[in-house]
C-alpha atoms as a PDB file:
ATOM      1  CA  UNK A   1     -39.479 -32.588 -46.728  1.00  0.00           C
ATOM      2  CA  UNK A   2     -40.632 -32.474 -43.258  1.00  0.00           C
ATOM      3  CA  UNK A   3     -37.172 -30.467 -41.330  1.00  0.00           C
ATOM      4  CA  UNK A   4     -36.115 -31.554 -37.579  1.00  0.00           C
ATOM      5  CA  UNK A   5     -36.580 -29.543 -35.302  1.00  0.00           C
ATOM      6  CA  UNK A   6     -33.955 -28.627 -33.101  1.00  0.00           C
ATOM      7  CA  UNK A   7     -35.067 -29.777 -29.879  1.00  0.00           C
ATOM      8  CA  UNK A   8     -35.050 -33.579 -31.622  1.00  0.00           C
ATOM      9  CA  UNK A   9     -31.282 -32.919 -32.229  1.00  0.00           C
ATOM     10  CA  UNK A  10     -30.581 -32.372 -28.798  1.00  0.00           C
ATOM     11  CA  UNK A  11     -32.802 -34.311 -26.855  1.00  0.00           C
ATOM     12  CA  UNK A  12     -30.600 -37.617 -26.868  1.00  0.00           C
ATOM     13  CA  UNK A  13     -27.498 -35.884 -25.591  1.00  0.00           C
ATOM     14  CA  UNK A  14     -26.510 -36.972 -22.303  1.00  0.00           C
ATOM     15  CA  UNK A  15     -25.633 -33.968 -19.885  1.00  0.00           C
ATOM     16  CA  UNK A  16     -21.453 -34.500 -20.623  1.00  0.00           C
ATOM     17  CA  UNK A  17     -21.871 -34.851 -24.414  1.00  0.00           C
ATOM     18  CA  UNK A  18     -24.000 -31.078 -24.018  1.00  0.00           C
ATOM     19  CA  UNK A  19     -21.599 -29.782 -22.210  1.00  0.00           C
ATOM     20  CA  UNK A  20     -19.110 -30.784 -24.375  1.00  0.00           C
ATOM     21  CA  UNK A  21     -20.922 -29.117 -27.630  1.00  0.00           C
ATOM     22  CA  UNK A  22     -20.248 -25.681 -25.832  1.00  0.00           C
ATOM     23  CA  UNK A  23     -17.234 -26.083 -24.118  1.00  0.00           C
ATOM     24  CA  UNK A  24     -14.690 -27.944 -26.646  1.00  0.00           C
ATOM     25  CA  UNK A  25     -11.448 -28.976 -25.618  1.00  0.00           C
ATOM     26  CA  UNK A  26      -9.792 -25.968 -27.673  1.00  0.00           C
ATOM     27  CA  UNK A  27     -11.637 -23.581 -25.636  1.00  0.00           C
ATOM     28  CA  UNK A  28     -10.855 -25.090 -22.114  1.00  0.00           C
ATOM     29  CA  UNK A  29      -7.252 -25.390 -22.994  1.00  0.00           C
ATOM     30  CA  UNK A  30      -6.980 -21.519 -23.658  1.00  0.00           C
ATOM     31  CA  UNK A  31      -8.978 -20.654 -20.744  1.00  0.00           C
ATOM     32  CA  UNK A  32      -6.749 -22.845 -18.689  1.00  0.00           C
ATOM     33  CA  UNK A  33      -3.500 -21.461 -20.412  1.00  0.00           C
ATOM     34  CA  UNK A  34      -4.609 -17.588 -19.486  1.00  0.00           C
ATOM     35  CA  UNK A  35      -5.851 -18.791 -15.939  1.00  0.00           C
ATOM     36  CA  UNK A  36      -2.768 -20.435 -15.624  1.00  0.00           C
ATOM     37  CA  UNK A  37      -0.620 -17.565 -17.249  1.00  0.00           C
ATOM     38  CA  UNK A  38      -2.125 -14.701 -14.877  1.00  0.00           C
ATOM     39  CA  UNK A  39      -1.514 -16.378 -11.495  1.00  0.00           C
ATOM     40  CA  UNK A  40       2.022 -16.999 -12.851  1.00  0.00           C
ATOM     41  CA  UNK A  41       2.729 -13.367 -13.948  1.00  0.00           C
ATOM     42  CA  UNK A  42       4.666 -11.371 -11.578  1.00  0.00           C
ATOM     43  CA  UNK A  43       1.513  -9.414 -11.081  1.00  0.00           C
ATOM     44  CA  UNK A  44      -1.197 -11.452 -11.299  1.00  0.00           C
ATOM     45  CA  UNK A  45       0.377 -13.886  -9.221  1.00  0.00           C
ATOM     46  CA  UNK A  46       1.126 -11.428  -6.473  1.00  0.00           C
ATOM     47  CA  UNK A  47      -2.527 -10.722  -6.511  1.00  0.00           C
ATOM     48  CA  UNK A  48      -3.653 -13.976  -6.896  1.00  0.00           C
ATOM     49  CA  UNK A  49      -1.901 -14.461  -3.475  1.00  0.00           C
ATOM     50  CA  UNK A  50      -2.591 -11.515  -1.916  1.00  0.00           C
ATOM     51  CA  UNK A  51      -6.347 -12.771  -2.010  1.00  0.00           C
ATOM     52  CA  UNK A  52      -5.830 -16.643  -1.384  1.00  0.00           C
ATOM     53  CA  UNK A  53      -3.461 -15.495   1.812  1.00  0.00           C
ATOM     54  CA  UNK A  54      -6.710 -13.397   2.806  1.00  0.00           C
ATOM     55  CA  UNK A  55      -9.268 -15.853   2.130  1.00  0.00           C
ATOM     56  CA  UNK A  56      -7.097 -18.820   3.750  1.00  0.00           C
ATOM     57  CA  UNK A  57      -6.538 -20.259   0.320  1.00  0.00           C
ATOM     58  CA  UNK A  58      -3.289 -22.055  -1.308  1.00  0.00           C
ATOM     59  CA  UNK A  59      -2.117 -20.069  -5.204  1.00  0.00           C
ATOM     60  CA  UNK A  60      -1.528 -22.804  -7.550  1.00  0.00           C
ATOM     61  CA  UNK A  61      -2.055 -23.979 -11.157  1.00  0.00           C
ATOM     62  CA  UNK A  62      -5.327 -25.625 -11.842  1.00  0.00           C
ATOM     63  CA  UNK A  63      -5.531 -28.701 -13.690  1.00  0.00           C
ATOM     64  CA  UNK A  64      -8.253 -29.452 -16.713  1.00  0.00           C
ATOM     65  CA  UNK A  65     -10.454 -31.579 -14.581  1.00  0.00           C
ATOM     66  CA  UNK A  66     -10.627 -29.052 -12.175  1.00  0.00           C
ATOM     67  CA  UNK A  67     -11.205 -26.541 -14.114  1.00  0.00           C
ATOM     68  CA  UNK A  68     -14.356 -28.402 -16.157  1.00  0.00           C
ATOM     69  CA  UNK A  69     -15.543 -29.219 -12.905  1.00  0.00           C
ATOM     70  CA  UNK A  70     -15.414 -25.744 -11.829  1.00  0.00           C
ATOM     71  CA  UNK A  71     -17.863 -24.509 -15.076  1.00  0.00           C
ATOM     72  CA  UNK A  72     -20.014 -27.524 -14.012  1.00  0.00           C
ATOM     73  CA  UNK A  73     -20.494 -26.934 -11.122  1.00  0.00           C
ATOM     74  CA  UNK A  74     -21.446 -23.061 -11.954  1.00  0.00           C
ATOM     75  CA  UNK A  75     -23.637 -23.683 -14.438  1.00  0.00           C
ATOM     76  CA  UNK A  76     -25.473 -25.956 -12.136  1.00  0.00           C
ATOM     77  CA  UNK A  77     -26.063 -23.260 -10.048  1.00  0.00           C
ATOM     78  CA  UNK A  78     -27.224 -21.235 -12.641  1.00  0.00           C
ATOM     79  CA  UNK A  79     -29.519 -23.639 -13.429  1.00  0.00           C
ATOM     80  CA  UNK A  80     -31.016 -24.760 -10.279  1.00  0.00           C
ATOM     81  CA  UNK A  81     -32.586 -21.300  -9.172  1.00  0.00           C
ATOM     82  CA  UNK A  82     -33.065 -21.235  -5.336  1.00  0.00           C
ATOM     83  CA  UNK A  83     -36.435 -19.711  -4.335  1.00  0.00           C
ATOM     84  CA  UNK A  84     -36.837 -18.010  -0.623  1.00  0.00           C
ATOM     85  CA  UNK A  85     -39.536 -19.096   1.882  1.00  0.00           C
ATOM     86  CA  UNK A  86     -41.743 -15.775  -0.053  1.00  0.00           C
ATOM     87  CA  UNK A  87     -41.719 -18.306  -3.167  1.00  0.00           C
ATOM     88  CA  UNK A  88     -39.164 -15.100  -4.644  1.00  0.00           C
ATOM     89  CA  UNK A  89     -35.931 -16.075  -6.796  1.00  0.00           C
ATOM     90  CA  UNK A  90     -32.876 -15.853  -4.587  1.00  0.00           C
END
């Protein structure tokens, strides 16, 4: 009996399906819950507002879709390493 190679199992999945393997709805909902909870707590919100005012951003609650987009951007940035003109990674 031939064993299935791990890469064969994932080779047919598209990027969204791969993302969902690691970032389940439960995990994303927990991240969202605690992110927004920190933004709403008195001390956390005050610190967040001070930072956002300094950066000229607005403090607000984030949505589920915004969280997925943010994590996706972080993943793309970590996968697509930029190189300098000397050929070294930045």
